[in-house]
Amino acid sequence: MIEEAGLRVLECNWRDGRRGELDIIARDETEPACSWTVIVEVRTRVGRGKGSALASVDARKVARLRALTGAWCRQRGRLDSRVRIDVVAITLSAQSLRQWPDVDRADVDVRALGAHAVWLRGVQ
C-alpha cells in the first residue's frame, strides 16, 4: 500500500527510547518540487468490538506522534523538511485472521484478506 501511494519507505519501527515508536517513515516524492517526509501511523483492529482503528487515534496519540516526529527530524538532521503525519486504519474480521495466521508479515497485503483500510492524510 505504501509504495502504491508513491511513497518510498525510509525506516520502519523507529524508537525514541521509552517515549514511543514511529511505525513508518517515508518520503512522498510524487511532486518533486515539494516532497514530504511522511510519518505513517498504522492502526489495526479485529472486528469492531473495541471501536474502530481510526477512532483509536485521539488527540493524545497525535500529540505523541508530533513529539516523536520532532525527535526523528532532529536526530536525522531534517529540521527543514516538510513533514506530514498520516494514519492508515485497518479493520480485519476474526475469520480472515484464522485463514491467514502470518498476517503480521510485511509482505502480506491485508486487502487480500478482505480488510477495510482507510488512509487519512495530514492528521492535525
PDB file of N, CA and C in Angstrom:
ATOM      1  N   MET A   1       0.820  -1.205   0.000  1.00  0.00           N
ATOM      2  CA  MET A   1       0.000   0.000   0.000  1.00  0.00           C
ATOM      3  C   MET A   1       0.858   1.262   0.000  1.00  0.00           C
ATOM      4  N   ILE A   2       1.926   1.244   0.769  1.00  0.00           N
ATOM      5  CA  ILE A   2       2.760   2.437   0.908  1.00  0.00           C
ATOM      6  C   ILE A   2       3.390   2.798  -0.433  1.00  0.00           C
ATOM      7  N   GLU A   3       4.013   1.815  -1.078  1.00  0.00           N
ATOM      8  CA  GLU A   3       4.652   2.085  -2.364  1.00  0.00           C
ATOM      9  C   GLU A   3       3.628   2.443  -3.433  1.00  0.00           C
ATOM     10  N   GLU A   4       2.463   1.795  -3.393  1.00  0.00           N
ATOM     11  CA  GLU A   4       1.407   2.107  -4.362  1.00  0.00           C
ATOM     12  C   GLU A   4       0.979   3.564  -4.275  1.00  0.00           C
ATOM     13  N   ALA A   5       1.085   4.137  -3.093  1.00  0.00           N
ATOM     14  CA  ALA A   5       0.699   5.536  -2.885  1.00  0.00           C
ATOM     15  C   ALA A   5       1.806   6.501  -3.318  1.00  0.00           C
ATOM     16  N   GLY A   6       2.914   5.956  -3.834  1.00  0.00           N
ATOM     17  CA  GLY A   6       4.002   6.804  -4.301  1.00  0.00           C
ATOM     18  C   GLY A   6       5.008   7.170  -3.231  1.00  0.00           C
ATOM     19  N   LEU A   7       4.964   6.474  -2.110  1.00  0.00           N
ATOM     20  CA  LEU A   7       5.899   6.754  -1.021  1.00  0.00           C
ATOM     21  C   LEU A   7       7.068   5.772  -1.058  1.00  0.00           C
ATOM     22  N   ARG A   8       8.229   6.265  -0.665  1.00  0.00           N
ATOM     23  CA  ARG A   8       9.426   5.430  -0.549  1.00  0.00           C
ATOM     24  C   ARG A   8       9.730   5.283   0.942  1.00  0.00           C
ATOM     25  N   VAL A   9       9.738   4.055   1.427  1.00  0.00           N
ATOM     26  CA  VAL A   9       9.961   3.804   2.852  1.00  0.00           C
ATOM     27  C   VAL A   9      11.417   4.090   3.205  1.00  0.00           C
ATOM     28  N   LEU A  10      11.613   4.925   4.226  1.00  0.00           N
ATOM     29  CA  LEU A  10      12.950   5.242   4.727  1.00  0.00           C
ATOM     30  C   LEU A  10      13.299   4.379   5.934  1.00  0.00           C
ATOM     31  N   GLU A  11      12.356   4.244   6.851  1.00  0.00           N
ATOM     32  CA  GLU A  11      12.575   3.475   8.082  1.00  0.00           C
ATOM     33  C   GLU A  11      11.254   2.896   8.565  1.00  0.00           C
ATOM     34  N   CYS A  12      11.365   1.815   9.323  1.00  0.00           N
ATOM     35  CA  CYS A  12      10.199   1.221   9.986  1.00  0.00           C
ATOM     36  C   CYS A  12      10.516   1.025  11.466  1.00  0.00           C
ATOM     37  N   ASN A  13       9.497   1.205  12.279  1.00  0.00           N
ATOM     38  CA  ASN A  13       9.586   0.947  13.723  1.00  0.00           C
ATOM     39  C   ASN A  13      10.723   1.713  14.393  1.00  0.00           C
ATOM     40  N   TRP A  14      10.837   3.007  14.087  1.00  0.00           N
ATOM     41  CA  TRP A  14      11.857   3.851  14.718  1.00  0.00           C
ATOM     42  C   TRP A  14      11.429   4.151  16.144  1.00  0.00           C
ATOM     43  N   ARG A  15      12.333   3.928  17.093  1.00  0.00           N
ATOM     44  CA  ARG A  15      12.028   4.143  18.509  1.00  0.00           C
ATOM     45  C   ARG A  15      12.850   5.288  19.067  1.00  0.00           C
ATOM     46  N   ASP A  16      12.218   6.046  19.948  1.00  0.00           N
ATOM     47  CA  ASP A  16      12.898   7.101  20.692  1.00  0.00           C
ATOM     48  C   ASP A  16      12.912   6.676  22.160  1.00  0.00           C
ATOM     49  N   GLY A  17      13.793   5.746  22.460  1.00  0.00           N
ATOM     50  CA  GLY A  17      13.871   5.234  23.827  1.00  0.00           C
ATOM     51  C   GLY A  17      12.534   4.703  24.297  1.00  0.00           C
ATOM     52  N   ARG A  18      12.097   5.174  25.459  1.00  0.00           N
ATOM     53  CA  ARG A  18      10.817   4.730  26.020  1.00  0.00           C
ATOM     54  C   ARG A  18       9.668   5.644  25.621  1.00  0.00           C
ATOM     55  N   ARG A  19       9.965   6.675  24.865  1.00  0.00           N
ATOM     56  CA  ARG A  19       8.921   7.652  24.519  1.00  0.00           C
ATOM     57  C   ARG A  19       7.922   7.136  23.497  1.00  0.00           C
ATOM     58  N   GLY A  20       8.327   6.167  22.704  1.00  0.00           N
ATOM     59  CA  GLY A  20       7.395   5.631  21.731  1.00  0.00           C
ATOM     60  C   GLY A  20       8.057   5.268  20.419  1.00  0.00           C
ATOM     61  N   GLU A  21       7.206   4.958  19.449  1.00  0.00           N
ATOM     62  CA  GLU A  21       7.679   4.432  18.175  1.00  0.00           C
ATOM     63  C   GLU A  21       6.917   5.066  17.022  1.00  0.00           C
ATOM     64  N   LEU A  22       7.628   5.311  15.935  1.00  0.00           N
ATOM     65  CA  LEU A  22       7.008   5.708  14.676  1.00  0.00           C
ATOM     66  C   LEU A  22       6.968   4.458  13.799  1.00  0.00           C
ATOM     67  N   ASP A  23       5.778   4.101  13.315  1.00  0.00           N
ATOM     68  CA  ASP A  23       5.629   2.859  12.551  1.00  0.00           C
ATOM     69  C   ASP A  23       6.401   2.897  11.237  1.00  0.00           C
ATOM     70  N   ILE A  24       6.113   3.901  10.419  1.00  0.00           N
ATOM     71  CA  ILE A  24       6.750   4.002   9.101  1.00  0.00           C
ATOM     72  C   ILE A  24       7.145   5.448   8.856  1.00  0.00           C
ATOM     73  N   ILE A  25       8.372   5.644   8.406  1.00  0.00           N
ATOM     74  CA  ILE A  25       8.824   6.957   7.955  1.00  0.00           C
ATOM     75  C   ILE A  25       9.103   6.802   6.470  1.00  0.00           C
ATOM     76  N   ALA A  26       8.467   7.633   5.668  1.00  0.00           N
ATOM     77  CA  ALA A  26       8.579   7.502   4.218  1.00  0.00           C
ATOM     78  C   ALA A  26       8.796   8.867   3.582  1.00  0.00           C
ATOM     79  N   ARG A  27       9.083   8.841   2.304  1.00  0.00           N
ATOM     80  CA  ARG A  27       9.277  10.067   1.532  1.00  0.00           C
ATOM     81  C   ARG A  27       8.248  10.074   0.416  1.00  0.00           C
ATOM     82  N   ASP A  28       7.476  11.148   0.339  1.00  0.00           N
ATOM     83  CA  ASP A  28       6.491  11.327  -0.729  1.00  0.00           C
ATOM     84  C   ASP A  28       7.111  12.255  -1.762  1.00  0.00           C
ATOM     85  N   GLU A  29       7.499  11.680  -2.885  1.00  0.00           N
ATOM     86  CA  GLU A  29       8.132  12.454  -3.949  1.00  0.00           C
ATOM     87  C   GLU A  29       7.258  12.494  -5.193  1.00  0.00           C
ATOM     88  N   THR A  30       5.940  12.361  -4.995  1.00  0.00           N
ATOM     89  CA  THR A  30       5.037  12.397  -6.143  1.00  0.00           C
ATOM     90  C   THR A  30       5.031  13.769  -6.800  1.00  0.00           C
ATOM     91  N   GLU A  31       5.330  14.811  -6.027  1.00  0.00           N
ATOM     92  CA  GLU A  31       5.508  16.158  -6.564  1.00  0.00           C
ATOM     93  C   GLU A  31       6.924  16.596  -6.197  1.00  0.00           C
ATOM     94  N   PRO A  32       7.905  16.349  -7.076  1.00  0.00           N
ATOM     95  CA  PRO A  32       9.312  16.599  -6.727  1.00  0.00           C
ATOM     96  C   PRO A  32       9.602  18.014  -6.235  1.00  0.00           C
ATOM     97  N   ALA A  33       8.854  18.991  -6.677  1.00  0.00           N
ATOM     98  CA  ALA A  33       9.111  20.373  -6.252  1.00  0.00           C
ATOM     99  C   ALA A  33       8.777  20.588  -4.778  1.00  0.00           C
ATOM    100  N   CYS A  34       7.919  19.731  -4.234  1.00  0.00           N
ATOM    101  CA  CYS A  34       7.553  19.895  -2.819  1.00  0.00           C
ATOM    102  C   CYS A  34       7.400  18.527  -2.156  1.00  0.00           C
ATOM    103  N   SER A  35       8.497  17.794  -2.062  1.00  0.00           N
ATOM    104  CA  SER A  35       8.432  16.466  -1.452  1.00  0.00           C
ATOM    105  C   SER A  35       8.226  16.582   0.059  1.00  0.00           C
ATOM    106  N   TRP A  36       7.673  15.528   0.628  1.00  0.00           N
ATOM    107  CA  TRP A  36       7.332  15.491   2.047  1.00  0.00           C
ATOM    108  C   TRP A  36       7.994  14.297   2.717  1.00  0.00           C
ATOM    109  N   THR A  37       8.347  14.464   3.981  1.00  0.00           N
ATOM    110  CA  THR A  37       8.626  13.323   4.838  1.00  0.00           C
ATOM    111  C   THR A  37       7.280  12.963   5.452  1.00  0.00           C
ATOM    112  N   VAL A  38       6.907  11.696   5.345  1.00  0.00           N
ATOM    113  CA  VAL A  38       5.588  11.264   5.810  1.00  0.00           C
ATOM    114  C   VAL A  38       5.753  10.240   6.928  1.00  0.00           C
ATOM    115  N   ILE A  39       5.146  10.538   8.055  1.00  0.00           N
ATOM    116  CA  ILE A  39       5.087   9.605   9.175  1.00  0.00           C
ATOM    117  C   ILE A  39       3.759   8.871   9.039  1.00  0.00           C
ATOM    118  N   VAL A  40       3.807   7.551   8.953  1.00  0.00           N
ATOM    119  CA  VAL A  40       2.584   6.766   8.787  1.00  0.00           C
ATOM    120  C   VAL A  40       2.347   5.954  10.059  1.00  0.00           C
ATOM    121  N   GLU A  41       1.274   6.272  10.739  1.00  0.00           N
ATOM    122  CA  GLU A  41       0.836   5.524  11.920  1.00  0.00           C
ATOM    123  C   GLU A  41      -0.144   4.463  11.437  1.00  0.00           C
ATOM    124  N   VAL A  42       0.156   3.200  11.701  1.00  0.00           N
ATOM    125  CA  VAL A  42      -0.703   2.103  11.263  1.00  0.00           C
ATOM    126  C   VAL A  42      -1.469   1.582  12.476  1.00  0.00           C
ATOM    127  N   ARG A  43      -2.790   1.606  12.383  1.00  0.00           N
ATOM    128  CA  ARG A  43      -3.650   1.111  13.462  1.00  0.00           C
ATOM    129  C   ARG A  43      -4.465  -0.046  12.904  1.00  0.00           C
ATOM    130  N   THR A  44      -4.517  -1.139  13.638  1.00  0.00           N
ATOM    131  CA  THR A  44      -5.239  -2.320  13.183  1.00  0.00           C
ATOM    132  C   THR A  44      -6.202  -2.774  14.270  1.00  0.00           C
ATOM    133  N   ARG A  45      -7.386  -3.145  13.857  1.00  0.00           N
ATOM    134  CA  ARG A  45      -8.382  -3.696  14.770  1.00  0.00           C
ATOM    135  C   ARG A  45      -8.984  -4.940  14.129  1.00  0.00           C
ATOM    136  N   VAL A  46      -9.289  -5.912  14.971  1.00  0.00           N
ATOM    137  CA  VAL A  46     -10.003  -7.102  14.528  1.00  0.00           C
ATOM    138  C   VAL A  46     -11.434  -6.936  14.981  1.00  0.00           C
ATOM    139  N   GLY A  47     -12.347  -6.845  14.026  1.00  0.00           N
ATOM    140  CA  GLY A  47     -13.744  -6.589  14.339  1.00  0.00           C
ATOM    141  C   GLY A  47     -13.942  -5.167  14.833  1.00  0.00           C
ATOM    142  N   ARG A  48     -15.137  -4.891  15.306  1.00  0.00           N
ATOM    143  CA  ARG A  48     -15.438  -3.539  15.772  1.00  0.00           C
ATOM    144  C   ARG A  48     -15.806  -3.502  17.257  1.00  0.00           C
ATOM    145  N   GLY A  49     -15.530  -4.587  17.957  1.00  0.00           N
ATOM    146  CA  GLY A  49     -15.886  -4.681  19.370  1.00  0.00           C
ATOM    147  C   GLY A  49     -15.211  -3.650  20.259  1.00  0.00           C
ATOM    148  N   LYS A  50     -14.006  -3.237  19.918  1.00  0.00           N
ATOM    149  CA  LYS A  50     -13.275  -2.260  20.735  1.00  0.00           C
ATOM    150  C   LYS A  50     -13.182  -0.910  20.036  1.00  0.00           C
ATOM    151  N   GLY A  51     -14.089  -0.637  19.131  1.00  0.00           N
ATOM    152  CA  GLY A  51     -14.055   0.625  18.399  1.00  0.00           C
ATOM    153  C   GLY A  51     -13.242   0.496  17.127  1.00  0.00           C
ATOM    154  N   SER A  52     -13.336   1.504  16.300  1.00  0.00           N
ATOM    155  CA  SER A  52     -12.645   1.451  15.013  1.00  0.00           C
ATOM    156  C   SER A  52     -11.162   1.760  15.179  1.00  0.00           C
ATOM    157  N   ALA A  53     -10.390   1.306  14.223  1.00  0.00           N
ATOM    158  CA  ALA A  53      -8.950   1.582  14.234  1.00  0.00           C
ATOM    159  C   ALA A  53      -8.697   3.081  14.132  1.00  0.00           C
ATOM    160  N   LEU A  54      -9.488   3.761  13.333  1.00  0.00           N
ATOM    161  CA  LEU A  54      -9.315   5.203  13.157  1.00  0.00           C
ATOM    162  C   LEU A  54      -9.634   5.963  14.446  1.00  0.00           C
ATOM    163  N   ALA A  55     -10.673   5.546  15.144  1.00  0.00           N
ATOM    164  CA  ALA A  55     -11.058   6.222  16.389  1.00  0.00           C
ATOM    165  C   ALA A  55     -10.012   6.048  17.489  1.00  0.00           C
ATOM    166  N   SER A  56      -9.132   5.068  17.324  1.00  0.00           N
ATOM    167  CA  SER A  56      -8.100   4.848  18.344  1.00  0.00           C
ATOM    168  C   SER A  56      -6.989   5.901  18.288  1.00  0.00           C
ATOM    169  N   VAL A  57      -7.004   6.739  17.268  1.00  0.00           N
ATOM    170  CA  VAL A  57      -6.013   7.820  17.164  1.00  0.00           C
ATOM    171  C   VAL A  57      -6.671   9.095  17.676  1.00  0.00           C
ATOM    172  N   ASP A  58      -6.476   9.355  18.959  1.00  0.00           N
ATOM    173  CA  ASP A  58      -7.080  10.528  19.590  1.00  0.00           C
ATOM    174  C   ASP A  58      -6.068  11.672  19.662  1.00  0.00           C
ATOM    175  N   ALA A  59      -6.473  12.777  20.270  1.00  0.00           N
ATOM    176  CA  ALA A  59      -5.612  13.966  20.351  1.00  0.00           C
ATOM    177  C   ALA A  59      -4.313  13.667  21.091  1.00  0.00           C
ATOM    178  N   ARG A  60      -4.387  12.838  22.118  1.00  0.00           N
ATOM    179  CA  ARG A  60      -3.171  12.484  22.866  1.00  0.00           C
ATOM    180  C   ARG A  60      -2.185  11.704  21.993  1.00  0.00           C
ATOM    181  N   LYS A  61      -2.712  10.774  21.189  1.00  0.00           N
ATOM    182  CA  LYS A  61      -1.856   9.990  20.290  1.00  0.00           C
ATOM    183  C   LYS A  61      -1.229  10.898  19.235  1.00  0.00           C
ATOM    184  N   VAL A  62      -1.997  11.819  18.686  1.00  0.00           N
ATOM    185  CA  VAL A  62      -1.463  12.747  17.681  1.00  0.00           C
ATOM    186  C   VAL A  62      -0.364  13.606  18.295  1.00  0.00           C
ATOM    187  N   ALA A  63      -0.556  14.074  19.518  1.00  0.00           N
ATOM    188  CA  ALA A  63       0.476  14.875  20.193  1.00  0.00           C
ATOM    189  C   ALA A  63       1.752  14.059  20.376  1.00  0.00           C
ATOM    190  N   ARG A  64       1.613  12.797  20.738  1.00  0.00           N
ATOM    191  CA  ARG A  64       2.788  11.932  20.889  1.00  0.00           C
ATOM    192  C   ARG A  64       3.479  11.720  19.543  1.00  0.00           C
ATOM    193  N   LEU A  65       2.699  11.529  18.488  1.00  0.00           N
ATOM    194  CA  LEU A  65       3.285  11.374  17.152  1.00  0.00           C
ATOM    195  C   LEU A  65       4.051  12.624  16.737  1.00  0.00           C
ATOM    196  N   ARG A  66       3.498  13.789  17.046  1.00  0.00           N
ATOM    197  CA  ARG A  66       4.196  15.045  16.726  1.00  0.00           C
ATOM    198  C   ARG A  66       5.523  15.140  17.468  1.00  0.00           C
ATOM    199  N   ALA A  67       5.518  14.802  18.749  1.00  0.00           N
ATOM    200  CA  ALA A  67       6.754  14.862  19.541  1.00  0.00           C
ATOM    201  C   ALA A  67       7.791  13.877  19.004  1.00  0.00           C
ATOM    202  N   LEU A  68       7.357  12.665  18.686  1.00  0.00           N
ATOM    203  CA  LEU A  68       8.273  11.673  18.131  1.00  0.00           C
ATOM    204  C   LEU A  68       8.795  12.106  16.767  1.00  0.00           C
ATOM    205  N   THR A  69       7.929  12.714  15.970  1.00  0.00           N
ATOM    206  CA  THR A  69       8.344  13.205  14.655  1.00  0.00           C
ATOM    207  C   THR A  69       9.422  14.271  14.803  1.00  0.00           C
ATOM    208  N   GLY A  70       9.239  15.174  15.751  1.00  0.00           N
ATOM    209  CA  GLY A  70      10.251  16.198  16.011  1.00  0.00           C
ATOM    210  C   GLY A  70      11.575  15.587  16.422  1.00  0.00           C
ATOM    211  N   ALA A  71      11.521  14.563  17.274  1.00  0.00           N
ATOM    212  CA  ALA A  71      12.746  13.884  17.716  1.00  0.00           C
ATOM    213  C   ALA A  71      13.438  13.211  16.536  1.00  0.00           C
ATOM    214  N   TRP A  72      12.659  12.565  15.664  1.00  0.00           N
ATOM    215  CA  TRP A  72      13.240  11.917  14.486  1.00  0.00           C
ATOM    216  C   TRP A  72      13.894  12.950  13.572  1.00  0.00           C
ATOM    217  N   CYS A  73      13.209  14.066  13.333  1.00  0.00           N
ATOM    218  CA  CYS A  73      13.761  15.120  12.468  1.00  0.00           C
ATOM    219  C   CYS A  73      15.063  15.680  13.041  1.00  0.00           C
ATOM    220  N   ARG A  74      15.096  15.903  14.345  1.00  0.00           N
ATOM    221  CA  ARG A  74      16.327  16.404  14.976  1.00  0.00           C
ATOM    222  C   ARG A  74      17.461  15.394  14.845  1.00  0.00           C
ATOM    223  N   GLN A  75      17.150  14.136  15.092  1.00  0.00           N
ATOM    224  CA  GLN A  75      18.176  13.097  15.041  1.00  0.00           C
ATOM    225  C   GLN A  75      18.712  12.900  13.626  1.00  0.00           C
ATOM    226  N   ARG A  76      17.862  13.039  12.645  1.00  0.00           N
ATOM    227  CA  ARG A  76      18.254  12.800  11.252  1.00  0.00           C
ATOM    228  C   ARG A  76      18.680  14.074  10.519  1.00  0.00           C
ATOM    229  N   GLY A  77      18.658  15.208  11.214  1.00  0.00           N
ATOM    230  CA  GLY A  77      19.052  16.463  10.577  1.00  0.00           C
ATOM    231  C   GLY A  77      18.081  16.923   9.509  1.00  0.00           C
ATOM    232  N   ARG A  78      16.807  16.663   9.719  1.00  0.00           N
ATOM    233  CA  ARG A  78      15.776  17.021   8.738  1.00  0.00           C
ATOM    234  C   ARG A  78      14.875  18.135   9.260  1.00  0.00           C
ATOM    235  N   LEU A  79      15.439  19.074   9.960  1.00  0.00           N
ATOM    236  CA  LEU A  79      14.627  20.130  10.569  1.00  0.00           C
ATOM    237  C   LEU A  79      13.968  21.038   9.538  1.00  0.00           C
ATOM    238  N   ASP A  80      14.508  21.092   8.331  1.00  0.00           N
ATOM    239  CA  ASP A  80      13.916  21.941   7.297  1.00  0.00           C
ATOM    240  C   ASP A  80      12.959  21.164   6.393  1.00  0.00           C
ATOM    241  N   SER A  81      12.737  19.912   6.703  1.00  0.00           N
ATOM    242  CA  SER A  81      11.893  19.056   5.879  1.00  0.00           C
ATOM    243  C   SER A  81      10.409  19.361   6.088  1.00  0.00           C
ATOM    244  N   ARG A  82       9.642  19.256   5.014  1.00  0.00           N
ATOM    245  CA  ARG A  82       8.179  19.336   5.131  1.00  0.00           C
ATOM    246  C   ARG A  82       7.711  17.982   5.643  1.00  0.00           C
ATOM    247  N   VAL A  83       6.946  17.991   6.726  1.00  0.00           N
ATOM    248  CA  VAL A  83       6.544  16.741   7.376  1.00  0.00           C
ATOM    249  C   VAL A  83       5.026  16.668   7.466  1.00  0.00           C
ATOM    250  N   ARG A  84       4.521  15.458   7.227  1.00  0.00           N
ATOM    251  CA  ARG A  84       3.085  15.206   7.308  1.00  0.00           C
ATOM    252  C   ARG A  84       2.889  13.919   8.104  1.00  0.00           C
ATOM    253  N   ILE A  85       1.850  13.887   8.926  1.00  0.00           N
ATOM    254  CA  ILE A  85       1.510  12.669   9.667  1.00  0.00           C
ATOM    255  C   ILE A  85       0.230  12.095   9.073  1.00  0.00           C
ATOM    256  N   ASP A  86       0.318  10.849   8.619  1.00  0.00           N
ATOM    257  CA  ASP A  86      -0.827  10.137   8.067  1.00  0.00           C
ATOM    258  C   ASP A  86      -1.193   8.985   8.994  1.00  0.00           C
ATOM    259  N   VAL A  87      -2.449   8.568   8.912  1.00  0.00           N
ATOM    260  CA  VAL A  87      -2.904   7.395   9.659  1.00  0.00           C
ATOM    261  C   VAL A  87      -3.511   6.413   8.667  1.00  0.00           C
ATOM    262  N   VAL A  88      -3.062   5.163   8.732  1.00  0.00           N
ATOM    263  CA  VAL A  88      -3.678   4.088   7.967  1.00  0.00           C
ATOM    264  C   VAL A  88      -4.393   3.204   8.981  1.00  0.00           C
ATOM    265  N   ALA A  89      -5.708   3.154   8.871  1.00  0.00           N
ATOM    266  CA  ALA A  89      -6.538   2.383   9.803  1.00  0.00           C
ATOM    267  C   ALA A  89      -7.047   1.135   9.084  1.00  0.00           C
ATOM    268  N   ILE A  90      -6.744  -0.019   9.645  1.00  0.00           N
ATOM    269  CA  ILE A  90      -7.090  -1.296   9.021  1.00  0.00           C
ATOM    270  C   ILE A  90      -8.012  -2.067   9.951  1.00  0.00           C
ATOM    271  N   THR A  91      -9.131  -2.541   9.403  1.00  0.00           N
ATOM    272  CA  THR A  91     -10.061  -3.367  10.166  1.00  0.00           C
ATOM    273  C   THR A  91     -10.167  -4.722   9.483  1.00  0.00           C
ATOM    274  N   LEU A  92      -9.914  -5.768  10.249  1.00  0.00           N
ATOM    275  CA  LEU A  92      -9.982  -7.148   9.764  1.00  0.00           C
ATOM    276  C   LEU A  92     -11.079  -7.896  10.504  1.00  0.00           C
ATOM    277  N   SER A  93     -11.616  -8.916   9.867  1.00  0.00           N
ATOM    278  CA  SER A  93     -12.564  -9.783  10.570  1.00  0.00           C
ATOM    279  C   SER A  93     -11.782 -10.900  11.259  1.00  0.00           C
ATOM    280  N   ALA A  94     -12.332 -11.423  12.333  1.00  0.00           N
ATOM    281  CA  ALA A  94     -11.679 -12.525  13.048  1.00  0.00           C
ATOM    282  C   ALA A  94     -11.535 -13.737  12.134  1.00  0.00           C
ATOM    283  N   GLN A  95     -12.507 -13.940  11.267  1.00  0.00           N
ATOM    284  CA  GLN A  95     -12.465 -15.075  10.346  1.00  0.00           C
ATOM    285  C   GLN A  95     -11.274 -14.967   9.396  1.00  0.00           C
ATOM    286  N   SER A  96     -10.991 -13.775   8.906  1.00  0.00           N
ATOM    287  CA  SER A  96      -9.866 -13.621   7.981  1.00  0.00           C
ATOM    288  C   SER A  96      -8.535 -13.910   8.673  1.00  0.00           C
ATOM    289  N   LEU A  97      -8.437 -13.600   9.961  1.00  0.00           N
ATOM    290  CA  LEU A  97      -7.207 -13.904  10.696  1.00  0.00           C
ATOM    291  C   LEU A  97      -6.988 -15.405  10.838  1.00  0.00           C
ATOM    292  N   ARG A  98      -8.066 -16.136  11.030  1.00  0.00           N
ATOM    293  CA  ARG A  98      -7.934 -17.597  11.139  1.00  0.00           C
ATOM    294  C   ARG A  98      -7.458 -18.195   9.823  1.00  0.00           C
ATOM    295  N   GLN A  99      -7.829 -17.573   8.709  1.00  0.00           N
ATOM    296  CA  GLN A  99      -7.432 -18.078   7.398  1.00  0.00           C
ATOM    297  C   GLN A  99      -5.990 -17.719   7.053  1.00  0.00           C
ATOM    298  N   TRP A 100      -5.442 -16.708   7.708  1.00  0.00           N
ATOM    299  CA  TRP A 100      -4.104 -16.236   7.362  1.00  0.00           C
ATOM    300  C   TRP A 100      -3.314 -15.968   8.644  1.00  0.00           C
ATOM    301  N   PRO A 101      -2.684 -16.982   9.217  1.00  0.00           N
ATOM    302  CA  PRO A 101      -2.006 -16.800  10.509  1.00  0.00           C
ATOM    303  C   PRO A 101      -0.780 -15.891  10.461  1.00  0.00           C
ATOM    304  N   ASP A 102      -0.182 -15.684   9.294  1.00  0.00           N
ATOM    305  CA  ASP A 102       1.029 -14.860   9.183  1.00  0.00           C
ATOM    306  C   ASP A 102       0.719 -13.434   8.764  1.00  0.00           C
ATOM    307  N   VAL A 103      -0.411 -12.887   9.199  1.00  0.00           N
ATOM    308  CA  VAL A 103      -0.839 -11.561   8.763  1.00  0.00           C
ATOM    309  C   VAL A 103       0.146 -10.463   9.175  1.00  0.00           C
ATOM    310  N   ASP A 104       0.969 -10.694  10.181  1.00  0.00           N
ATOM    311  CA  ASP A 104       1.931  -9.685  10.629  1.00  0.00           C
ATOM    312  C   ASP A 104       3.140  -9.554   9.713  1.00  0.00           C
ATOM    313  N   ARG A 105       3.310 -10.463   8.787  1.00  0.00           N
ATOM    314  CA  ARG A 105       4.446 -10.356   7.864  1.00  0.00           C
ATOM    315  C   ARG A 105       4.285  -9.120   6.995  1.00  0.00           C
ATOM    316  N   ALA A 106       5.379  -8.450   6.730  1.00  0.00           N
ATOM    317  CA  ALA A 106       5.350  -7.194   5.978  1.00  0.00           C
ATOM    318  C   ALA A 106       4.901  -7.386   4.537  1.00  0.00           C
ATOM    319  N   ASP A 107       5.100  -8.573   3.971  1.00  0.00           N
ATOM    320  CA  ASP A 107       4.762  -8.779   2.566  1.00  0.00           C
ATOM    321  C   ASP A 107       3.319  -9.233   2.348  1.00  0.00           C
ATOM    322  N   VAL A 108       2.534  -9.334   3.409  1.00  0.00           N
ATOM    323  CA  VAL A 108       1.133  -9.742   3.282  1.00  0.00           C
ATOM    324  C   VAL A 108       0.284  -8.512   2.985  1.00  0.00           C
ATOM    325  N   ASP A 109      -0.479  -8.576   1.898  1.00  0.00           N
ATOM    326  CA  ASP A 109      -1.397  -7.489   1.557  1.00  0.00           C
ATOM    327  C   ASP A 109      -2.726  -7.788   2.248  1.00  0.00           C
ATOM    328  N   VAL A 110      -3.011  -7.065   3.313  1.00  0.00           N
ATOM    329  CA  VAL A 110      -4.207  -7.346   4.107  1.00  0.00           C
ATOM    330  C   VAL A 110      -5.489  -7.117   3.320  1.00  0.00           C
ATOM    331  N   ARG A 111      -5.414  -6.368   2.232  1.00  0.00           N
ATOM    332  CA  ARG A 111      -6.616  -6.177   1.410  1.00  0.00           C
ATOM    333  C   ARG A 111      -7.067  -7.494   0.800  1.00  0.00           C
ATOM    334  N   ALA A 112      -6.124  -8.418   0.558  1.00  0.00           N
ATOM    335  CA  ALA A 112      -6.475  -9.734   0.028  1.00  0.00           C
ATOM    336  C   ALA A 112      -7.254 -10.551   1.052  1.00  0.00           C
ATOM    337  N   LEU A 113      -7.183 -10.150   2.310  1.00  0.00           N
ATOM    338  CA  LEU A 113      -7.924 -10.828   3.376  1.00  0.00           C
ATOM    339  C   LEU A 113      -9.296 -10.208   3.603  1.00  0.00           C
ATOM    340  N   GLY A 114      -9.658  -9.259   2.777  1.00  0.00           N
ATOM    341  CA  GLY A 114     -10.936  -8.583   2.947  1.00  0.00           C
ATOM    342  C   GLY A 114     -10.887  -7.462   3.962  1.00  0.00           C
ATOM    343  N   ALA A 115      -9.695  -7.004   4.278  1.00  0.00           N
ATOM    344  CA  ALA A 115      -9.550  -5.915   5.251  1.00  0.00           C
ATOM    345  C   ALA A 115     -10.085  -4.619   4.667  1.00  0.00           C
ATOM    346  N   HIS A 116     -10.611  -3.806   5.547  1.00  0.00           N
ATOM    347  CA  HIS A 116     -11.059  -2.464   5.166  1.00  0.00           C
ATOM    348  C   HIS A 116      -9.969  -1.499   5.621  1.00  0.00           C
ATOM    349  N   ALA A 117      -9.423  -0.737   4.676  1.00  0.00           N
ATOM    350  CA  ALA A 117      -8.341   0.197   5.010  1.00  0.00           C
ATOM    351  C   ALA A 117      -8.765   1.624   4.682  1.00  0.00           C
ATOM    352  N   VAL A 118      -8.495   2.523   5.618  1.00  0.00           N
ATOM    353  CA  VAL A 118      -8.755   3.953   5.430  1.00  0.00           C
ATOM    354  C   VAL A 118      -7.423   4.675   5.611  1.00  0.00           C
ATOM    355  N   TRP A 119      -7.076   5.541   4.655  1.00  0.00           N
ATOM    356  CA  TRP A 119      -5.835   6.307   4.739  1.00  0.00           C
ATOM    357  C   TRP A 119      -6.211   7.765   4.928  1.00  0.00           C
ATOM    358  N   LEU A 120      -5.874   8.293   6.082  1.00  0.00           N
ATOM    359  CA  LEU A 120      -6.158   9.688   6.403  1.00  0.00           C
ATOM    360  C   LEU A 120      -4.851  10.465   6.318  1.00  0.00           C
ATOM    361  N   ARG A 121      -4.777  11.409   5.374  1.00  0.00           N
ATOM    362  CA  ARG A 121      -3.547  12.170   5.155  1.00  0.00           C
ATOM    363  C   ARG A 121      -3.582  13.501   5.907  1.00  0.00           C
ATOM    364  N   GLY A 122      -2.443  13.844   6.478  1.00  0.00           N
ATOM    365  CA  GLY A 122      -2.319  15.145   7.122  1.00  0.00           C
ATOM    366  C   GLY A 122      -3.129  15.293   8.387  1.00  0.00           C
ATOM    367  N   VAL A 123      -2.967  14.355   9.313  1.00  0.00           N
ATOM    368  CA  VAL A 123      -3.683  14.414  10.589  1.00  0.00           C
ATOM    369  C   VAL A 123      -3.217  15.635  11.361  1.00  0.00           C
ATOM    370  N   GLN A 124      -4.147  16.365  11.920  1.00  0.00           N
ATOM    371  CA  GLN A 124      -3.813  17.565  12.693  1.00  0.00           C
ATOM    372  C   GLN A 124      -3.838  17.250  14.125  1.00  0.00           C
TER     373      GLN A 124
END
